[in-house]
All heavy atoms as atom14 arrays in JSON, in Angstrom:
{
  "sequence": "QKLFQEDNGIPVYLKGGIADALLYRATMLLT",
  "atom14_mask": [
    [1, 1, 1, 1, 1, 1, 1, 1, 1, 0, 0, 0, 0, 0],
    [1, 1, 1, 1, 1, 1, 1, 1, 1, 0, 0, 0, 0, 0],
    [1, 1, 1, 1, 1, 1, 1, 1, 0, 0, 0, 0, 0, 0],
    [1, 1, 1, 1, 1, 1, 1, 1, 1, 1, 1, 0, 0, 0],
    [1, 1, 1, 1, 1, 1, 1, 1, 1, 0, 0, 0, 0, 0],
    [1, 1, 1, 1, 1, 1, 1, 1, 1, 0, 0, 0, 0, 0],
    [1, 1, 1, 1, 1, 1, 1, 1, 0, 0, 0, 0, 0, 0],
    [1, 1, 1, 1, 1, 1, 1, 1, 0, 0, 0, 0, 0, 0],
    [1, 1, 1, 1, 0, 0, 0, 0, 0, 0, 0, 0, 0, 0],
    [1, 1, 1, 1, 1, 1, 1, 1, 0, 0, 0, 0, 0, 0],
    [1, 1, 1, 1, 1, 1, 1, 0, 0, 0, 0, 0, 0, 0],
    [1, 1, 1, 1, 1, 1, 1, 0, 0, 0, 0, 0, 0, 0],
    [1, 1, 1, 1, 1, 1, 1, 1, 1, 1, 1, 1, 0, 0],
    [1, 1, 1, 1, 1, 1, 1, 1, 0, 0, 0, 0, 0, 0],
    [1, 1, 1, 1, 1, 1, 1, 1, 1, 0, 0, 0, 0, 0],
    [1, 1, 1, 1, 0, 0, 0, 0, 0, 0, 0, 0, 0, 0],
    [1, 1, 1, 1, 0, 0, 0, 0, 0, 0, 0, 0, 0, 0],
    [1, 1, 1, 1, 1, 1, 1, 1, 0, 0, 0, 0, 0, 0],
    [1, 1, 1, 1, 1, 0, 0, 0, 0, 0, 0, 0, 0, 0],
    [1, 1, 1, 1, 1, 1, 1, 1, 0, 0, 0, 0, 0, 0],
    [1, 1, 1, 1, 1, 0, 0, 0, 0, 0, 0, 0, 0, 0],
    [1, 1, 1, 1, 1, 1, 1, 1, 0, 0, 0, 0, 0, 0],
    [1, 1, 1, 1, 1, 1, 1, 1, 0, 0, 0, 0, 0, 0],
    [1, 1, 1, 1, 1, 1, 1, 1, 1, 1, 1, 1, 0, 0],
    [1, 1, 1, 1, 1, 1, 1, 1, 1, 1, 1, 0, 0, 0],
    [1, 1, 1, 1, 1, 0, 0, 0, 0, 0, 0, 0, 0, 0],
    [1, 1, 1, 1, 1, 1, 1, 0, 0, 0, 0, 0, 0, 0],
    [1, 1, 1, 1, 1, 1, 1, 1, 0, 0, 0, 0, 0, 0],
    [1, 1, 1, 1, 1, 1, 1, 1, 0, 0, 0, 0, 0, 0],
    [1, 1, 1, 1, 1, 1, 1, 1, 0, 0, 0, 0, 0, 0],
    [1, 1, 1, 1, 1, 1, 1, 0, 0, 0, 0, 0, 0, 0]
  ],
  "atom14_positions": [
    [[0.82, -1.21, -0.01], [0.02, -0.01, 0.0], [0.86, 1.28, -0.02], [0.63, 2.17, -0.78], [-0.93, 0.01, 1.24], [-2.12, -0.89, 1.12], [-2.95, -0.9, 2.37], [-2.52, -0.54, 3.43], [-4.22, -1.36, 2.22], [0.0, 0.0, 0.0], [0.0, 0.0, 0.0], [0.0, 0.0, 0.0], [0.0, 0.0, 0.0], [0.0, 0.0, 0.0]],
    [[1.89, 1.25, 0.83], [2.81, 2.44, 0.83], [3.48, 2.63, -0.48], [3.6, 3.76, -0.98], [3.88, 2.24, 1.95], [3.31, 2.4, 3.32], [4.43, 2.21, 4.38], [3.82, 2.26, 5.76], [4.85, 1.98, 6.79], [0.0, 0.0, 0.0], [0.0, 0.0, 0.0], [0.0, 0.0, 0.0], [0.0, 0.0, 0.0], [0.0, 0.0, 0.0]],
    [[3.89, 1.5, -1.09], [4.59, 1.57, -2.43], [3.68, 2.17, -3.47], [4.01, 3.06, -4.28], [5.06, 0.2, -2.83], [5.64, 0.06, -4.22], [7.03, 0.78, -4.28], [5.75, -1.35, -4.61], [0.0, 0.0, 0.0], [0.0, 0.0, 0.0], [0.0, 0.0, 0.0], [0.0, 0.0, 0.0], [0.0, 0.0, 0.0], [0.0, 0.0, 0.0]],
    [[2.45, 1.66, -3.55], [1.53, 2.06, -4.6], [0.85, 3.43, -4.32], [0.42, 4.04, -5.29], [0.46, 1.03, -4.89], [1.0, -0.16, -5.64], [1.46, -1.28, -4.97], [1.06, -0.11, -7.02], [1.99, -2.3, -5.68], [1.53, -1.18, -7.77], [2.03, -2.32, -7.08], [0.0, 0.0, 0.0], [0.0, 0.0, 0.0], [0.0, 0.0, 0.0]],
    [[0.91, 3.94, -3.15], [0.25, 5.18, -2.84], [1.22, 6.37, -2.84], [0.82, 7.47, -2.62], [-0.49, 5.11, -1.48], [-1.71, 4.25, -1.55], [-2.45, 4.14, -0.23], [-1.97, 4.64, 0.74], [-3.57, 3.46, -0.23], [0.0, 0.0, 0.0], [0.0, 0.0, 0.0], [0.0, 0.0, 0.0], [0.0, 0.0, 0.0], [0.0, 0.0, 0.0]],
    [[2.53, 6.09, -3.01], [3.46, 7.15, -3.08], [3.2, 8.03, -4.25], [2.83, 7.57, -5.33], [4.91, 6.6, -3.3], [5.59, 6.16, -2.01], [7.01, 5.62, -2.28], [7.56, 5.94, -3.34], [7.53, 4.97, -1.42], [0.0, 0.0, 0.0], [0.0, 0.0, 0.0], [0.0, 0.0, 0.0], [0.0, 0.0, 0.0], [0.0, 0.0, 0.0]],
    [[3.42, 9.32, -4.11], [3.18, 10.29, -5.19], [4.53, 10.63, -5.76], [5.18, 11.66, -5.41], [2.48, 11.52, -4.65], [2.07, 12.47, -5.82], [2.03, 11.99, -6.93], [1.85, 13.67, -5.52], [0.0, 0.0, 0.0], [0.0, 0.0, 0.0], [0.0, 0.0, 0.0], [0.0, 0.0, 0.0], [0.0, 0.0, 0.0], [0.0, 0.0, 0.0]],
    [[5.11, 9.77, -6.61], [6.39, 9.97, -7.19], [6.37, 10.14, -8.7], [7.41, 10.06, -9.33], [7.36, 8.88, -6.79], [6.83, 7.49, -7.15], [5.78, 7.38, -7.79], [7.49, 6.47, -6.66], [0.0, 0.0, 0.0], [0.0, 0.0, 0.0], [0.0, 0.0, 0.0], [0.0, 0.0, 0.0], [0.0, 0.0, 0.0], [0.0, 0.0, 0.0]],
    [[5.22, 10.32, -9.33], [5.07, 10.57, -10.75], [5.11, 9.26, -11.59], [5.0, 9.41, -12.8], [0.0, 0.0, 0.0], [0.0, 0.0, 0.0], [0.0, 0.0, 0.0], [0.0, 0.0, 0.0], [0.0, 0.0, 0.0], [0.0, 0.0, 0.0], [0.0, 0.0, 0.0], [0.0, 0.0, 0.0], [0.0, 0.0, 0.0], [0.0, 0.0, 0.0]],
    [[5.33, 8.14, -10.98], [5.31, 6.87, -11.77], [3.87, 6.4, -11.91], [3.16, 6.34, -10.91], [6.22, 5.84, -11.06], [7.62, 6.29, -10.99], [6.16, 4.53, -11.8], [8.57, 5.47, -10.18], [0.0, 0.0, 0.0], [0.0, 0.0, 0.0], [0.0, 0.0, 0.0], [0.0, 0.0, 0.0], [0.0, 0.0, 0.0], [0.0, 0.0, 0.0]],
    [[3.47, 6.02, -13.07], [2.11, 5.46, -13.23], [1.91, 4.2, -12.37], [2.9, 3.41, -12.16], [2.0, 5.12, -14.71], [3.04, 5.85, -15.38], [4.18, 6.04, -14.38], [0.0, 0.0, 0.0], [0.0, 0.0, 0.0], [0.0, 0.0, 0.0], [0.0, 0.0, 0.0], [0.0, 0.0, 0.0], [0.0, 0.0, 0.0], [0.0, 0.0, 0.0]],
    [[0.73, 3.94, -11.91], [0.5, 2.85, -10.99], [0.78, 1.47, -11.59], [1.21, 0.57, -10.95], [-0.97, 2.9, -10.47], [-1.96, 2.49, -11.54], [-1.19, 1.99, -9.25], [0.0, 0.0, 0.0], [0.0, 0.0, 0.0], [0.0, 0.0, 0.0], [0.0, 0.0, 0.0], [0.0, 0.0, 0.0], [0.0, 0.0, 0.0], [0.0, 0.0, 0.0]],
    [[0.67, 1.39, -12.95], [0.88, 0.1, -13.61], [2.38, -0.16, -13.84], [2.76, -1.24, -14.27], [0.15, -0.02, -14.98], [0.4, 1.18, -15.9], [1.47, 1.21, -16.74], [-0.48, 2.25, -15.91], [1.66, 2.28, -17.57], [-0.3, 3.32, -16.78], [0.82, 3.34, -17.61], [0.98, 4.39, -18.46], [0.0, 0.0, 0.0], [0.0, 0.0, 0.0]],
    [[3.24, 0.74, -13.4], [4.68, 0.56, -13.48], [5.35, 0.55, -12.1], [6.55, 0.38, -11.98], [5.36, 1.6, -14.38], [4.97, 1.63, -15.81], [5.64, 2.8, -16.6], [5.36, 0.27, -16.48], [0.0, 0.0, 0.0], [0.0, 0.0, 0.0], [0.0, 0.0, 0.0], [0.0, 0.0, 0.0], [0.0, 0.0, 0.0], [0.0, 0.0, 0.0]],
    [[4.59, 0.73, -11.03], [5.18, 0.84, -9.71], [5.58, -0.46, -9.15], [6.3, -0.54, -8.13], [4.17, 1.49, -8.76], [3.98, 2.96, -8.91], [3.21, 3.62, -7.83], [3.14, 5.07, -8.02], [2.49, 5.77, -6.9], [0.0, 0.0, 0.0], [0.0, 0.0, 0.0], [0.0, 0.0, 0.0], [0.0, 0.0, 0.0], [0.0, 0.0, 0.0]],
    [[5.25, -1.59, -9.75], [5.63, -2.93, -9.28], [7.09, -3.3, -9.51], [7.58, -4.28, -9.0], [0.0, 0.0, 0.0], [0.0, 0.0, 0.0], [0.0, 0.0, 0.0], [0.0, 0.0, 0.0], [0.0, 0.0, 0.0], [0.0, 0.0, 0.0], [0.0, 0.0, 0.0], [0.0, 0.0, 0.0], [0.0, 0.0, 0.0], [0.0, 0.0, 0.0]],
    [[7.78, -2.5, -10.3], [9.24, -2.74, -10.51], [9.52, -3.14, -11.97], [8.77, -2.87, -12.87], [0.0, 0.0, 0.0], [0.0, 0.0, 0.0], [0.0, 0.0, 0.0], [0.0, 0.0, 0.0], [0.0, 0.0, 0.0], [0.0, 0.0, 0.0], [0.0, 0.0, 0.0], [0.0, 0.0, 0.0], [0.0, 0.0, 0.0], [0.0, 0.0, 0.0]],
    [[10.66, -3.85, -12.13], [11.15, -4.19, -13.45], [10.18, -5.18, -14.17], [10.0, -5.09, -15.38], [12.56, -4.74, -13.4], [13.2, -4.92, -14.75], [12.63, -6.06, -12.65], [13.8, -3.67, -15.27], [0.0, 0.0, 0.0], [0.0, 0.0, 0.0], [0.0, 0.0, 0.0], [0.0, 0.0, 0.0], [0.0, 0.0, 0.0], [0.0, 0.0, 0.0]],
    [[9.54, -6.06, -13.39], [8.66, -7.01, -14.03], [7.46, -6.33, -14.62], [7.02, -6.64, -15.73], [8.17, -8.06, -12.95], [0.0, 0.0, 0.0], [0.0, 0.0, 0.0], [0.0, 0.0, 0.0], [0.0, 0.0, 0.0], [0.0, 0.0, 0.0], [0.0, 0.0, 0.0], [0.0, 0.0, 0.0], [0.0, 0.0, 0.0], [0.0, 0.0, 0.0]],
    [[6.94, -5.29, -13.96], [5.85, -4.51, -14.52], [6.22, -3.8, -15.76], [5.53, -3.68, -16.68], [5.25, -3.57, -13.49], [4.39, -4.24, -12.47], [4.11, -5.42, -12.66], [3.99, -3.51, -11.51], [0.0, 0.0, 0.0], [0.0, 0.0, 0.0], [0.0, 0.0, 0.0], [0.0, 0.0, 0.0], [0.0, 0.0, 0.0], [0.0, 0.0, 0.0]],
    [[7.42, -3.22, -15.75], [7.93, -2.49, -16.9], [8.08, -3.42, -18.12], [7.68, -3.12, -19.25], [9.25, -1.8, -16.62], [0.0, 0.0, 0.0], [0.0, 0.0, 0.0], [0.0, 0.0, 0.0], [0.0, 0.0, 0.0], [0.0, 0.0, 0.0], [0.0, 0.0, 0.0], [0.0, 0.0, 0.0], [0.0, 0.0, 0.0], [0.0, 0.0, 0.0]],
    [[8.64, -4.56, -17.88], [8.79, -5.53, -18.97], [7.48, -6.06, -19.54], [7.31, -6.19, -20.7], [9.67, -6.76, -18.5], [11.12, -6.46, -18.24], [11.81, -7.66, -17.69], [11.85, -6.03, -19.54], [0.0, 0.0, 0.0], [0.0, 0.0, 0.0], [0.0, 0.0, 0.0], [0.0, 0.0, 0.0], [0.0, 0.0, 0.0], [0.0, 0.0, 0.0]],
    [[6.55, -6.31, -18.61], [5.22, -6.73, -19.04], [4.49, -5.67, -19.83], [3.84, -5.98, -20.86], [4.4, -7.15, -17.79], [3.04, -7.78, -18.06], [3.17, -9.05, -18.88], [2.38, -8.05, -16.74], [0.0, 0.0, 0.0], [0.0, 0.0, 0.0], [0.0, 0.0, 0.0], [0.0, 0.0, 0.0], [0.0, 0.0, 0.0], [0.0, 0.0, 0.0]],
    [[4.65, -4.46, -19.39], [4.03, -3.34, -20.12], [4.62, -3.18, -21.55], [3.9, -3.02, -22.5], [4.25, -2.03, -19.3], [3.8, -0.81, -20.02], [2.42, -0.53, -20.16], [4.64, 0.14, -20.55], [2.0, 0.65, -20.85], [4.26, 1.25, -21.23], [2.93, 1.51, -21.35], [2.49, 2.6, -22.01], [0.0, 0.0, 0.0], [0.0, 0.0, 0.0]],
    [[5.92, -3.26, -21.6], [6.6, -3.09, -22.89], [6.24, -4.26, -23.85], [6.05, -4.05, -25.05], [8.1, -2.99, -22.73], [8.48, -1.67, -22.18], [9.99, -1.46, -22.06], [10.29, -0.18, -21.47], [11.29, 0.11, -20.66], [12.12, -0.87, -20.4], [11.52, 1.29, -20.19], [0.0, 0.0, 0.0], [0.0, 0.0, 0.0], [0.0, 0.0, 0.0]],
    [[6.23, -5.48, -23.31], [5.87, -6.62, -24.13], [4.39, -6.48, -24.62], [4.09, -6.79, -25.79], [5.98, -7.89, -23.33], [0.0, 0.0, 0.0], [0.0, 0.0, 0.0], [0.0, 0.0, 0.0], [0.0, 0.0, 0.0], [0.0, 0.0, 0.0], [0.0, 0.0, 0.0], [0.0, 0.0, 0.0], [0.0, 0.0, 0.0], [0.0, 0.0, 0.0]],
    [[3.52, -6.01, -23.78], [2.11, -5.79, -24.18], [1.99, -4.77, -25.27], [1.28, -4.92, -26.25], [1.28, -5.36, -22.97], [1.38, -6.4, -21.97], [-0.18, -5.19, -23.33], [0.0, 0.0, 0.0], [0.0, 0.0, 0.0], [0.0, 0.0, 0.0], [0.0, 0.0, 0.0], [0.0, 0.0, 0.0], [0.0, 0.0, 0.0], [0.0, 0.0, 0.0]],
    [[2.72, -3.67, -25.12], [2.74, -2.61, -26.16], [3.29, -3.15, -27.46], [2.78, -2.82, -28.53], [3.48, -1.39, -25.67], [2.78, -0.58, -24.64], [1.22, 0.07, -25.21], [0.04, -0.82, -24.25], [0.0, 0.0, 0.0], [0.0, 0.0, 0.0], [0.0, 0.0, 0.0], [0.0, 0.0, 0.0], [0.0, 0.0, 0.0], [0.0, 0.0, 0.0]],
    [[4.37, -3.88, -27.4], [4.96, -4.42, -28.59], [4.0, -5.37, -29.32], [3.86, -5.27, -30.55], [6.26, -5.14, -28.23], [7.04, -5.79, -29.35], [7.61, -4.71, -30.25], [8.13, -6.71, -28.86], [0.0, 0.0, 0.0], [0.0, 0.0, 0.0], [0.0, 0.0, 0.0], [0.0, 0.0, 0.0], [0.0, 0.0, 0.0], [0.0, 0.0, 0.0]],
    [[3.36, -6.24, -28.55], [2.4, -7.19, -29.19], [1.2, -6.41, -29.75], [0.71, -6.76, -30.86], [1.92, -8.2, -28.15], [2.93, -9.24, -27.83], [2.44, -10.1, -26.69], [3.24, -10.12, -29.04], [0.0, 0.0, 0.0], [0.0, 0.0, 0.0], [0.0, 0.0, 0.0], [0.0, 0.0, 0.0], [0.0, 0.0, 0.0], [0.0, 0.0, 0.0]],
    [[0.77, -5.35, -29.04], [-0.35, -4.61, -29.57], [-0.03, -3.82, -30.87], [-0.78, -3.89, -31.85], [-0.81, -3.57, -28.48], [-1.16, -4.27, -27.34], [-1.98, -2.78, -28.98], [0.0, 0.0, 0.0], [0.0, 0.0, 0.0], [0.0, 0.0, 0.0], [0.0, 0.0, 0.0], [0.0, 0.0, 0.0], [0.0, 0.0, 0.0], [0.0, 0.0, 0.0]]
  ]
}
């Protein structure tokens, strides 16, 4: 909760770390 509620300018779908960033990029690439 603390990690995802921080106001640091990072979108919530990327706050999970490197795995979220890789998953997001793979999804965009496939799309």
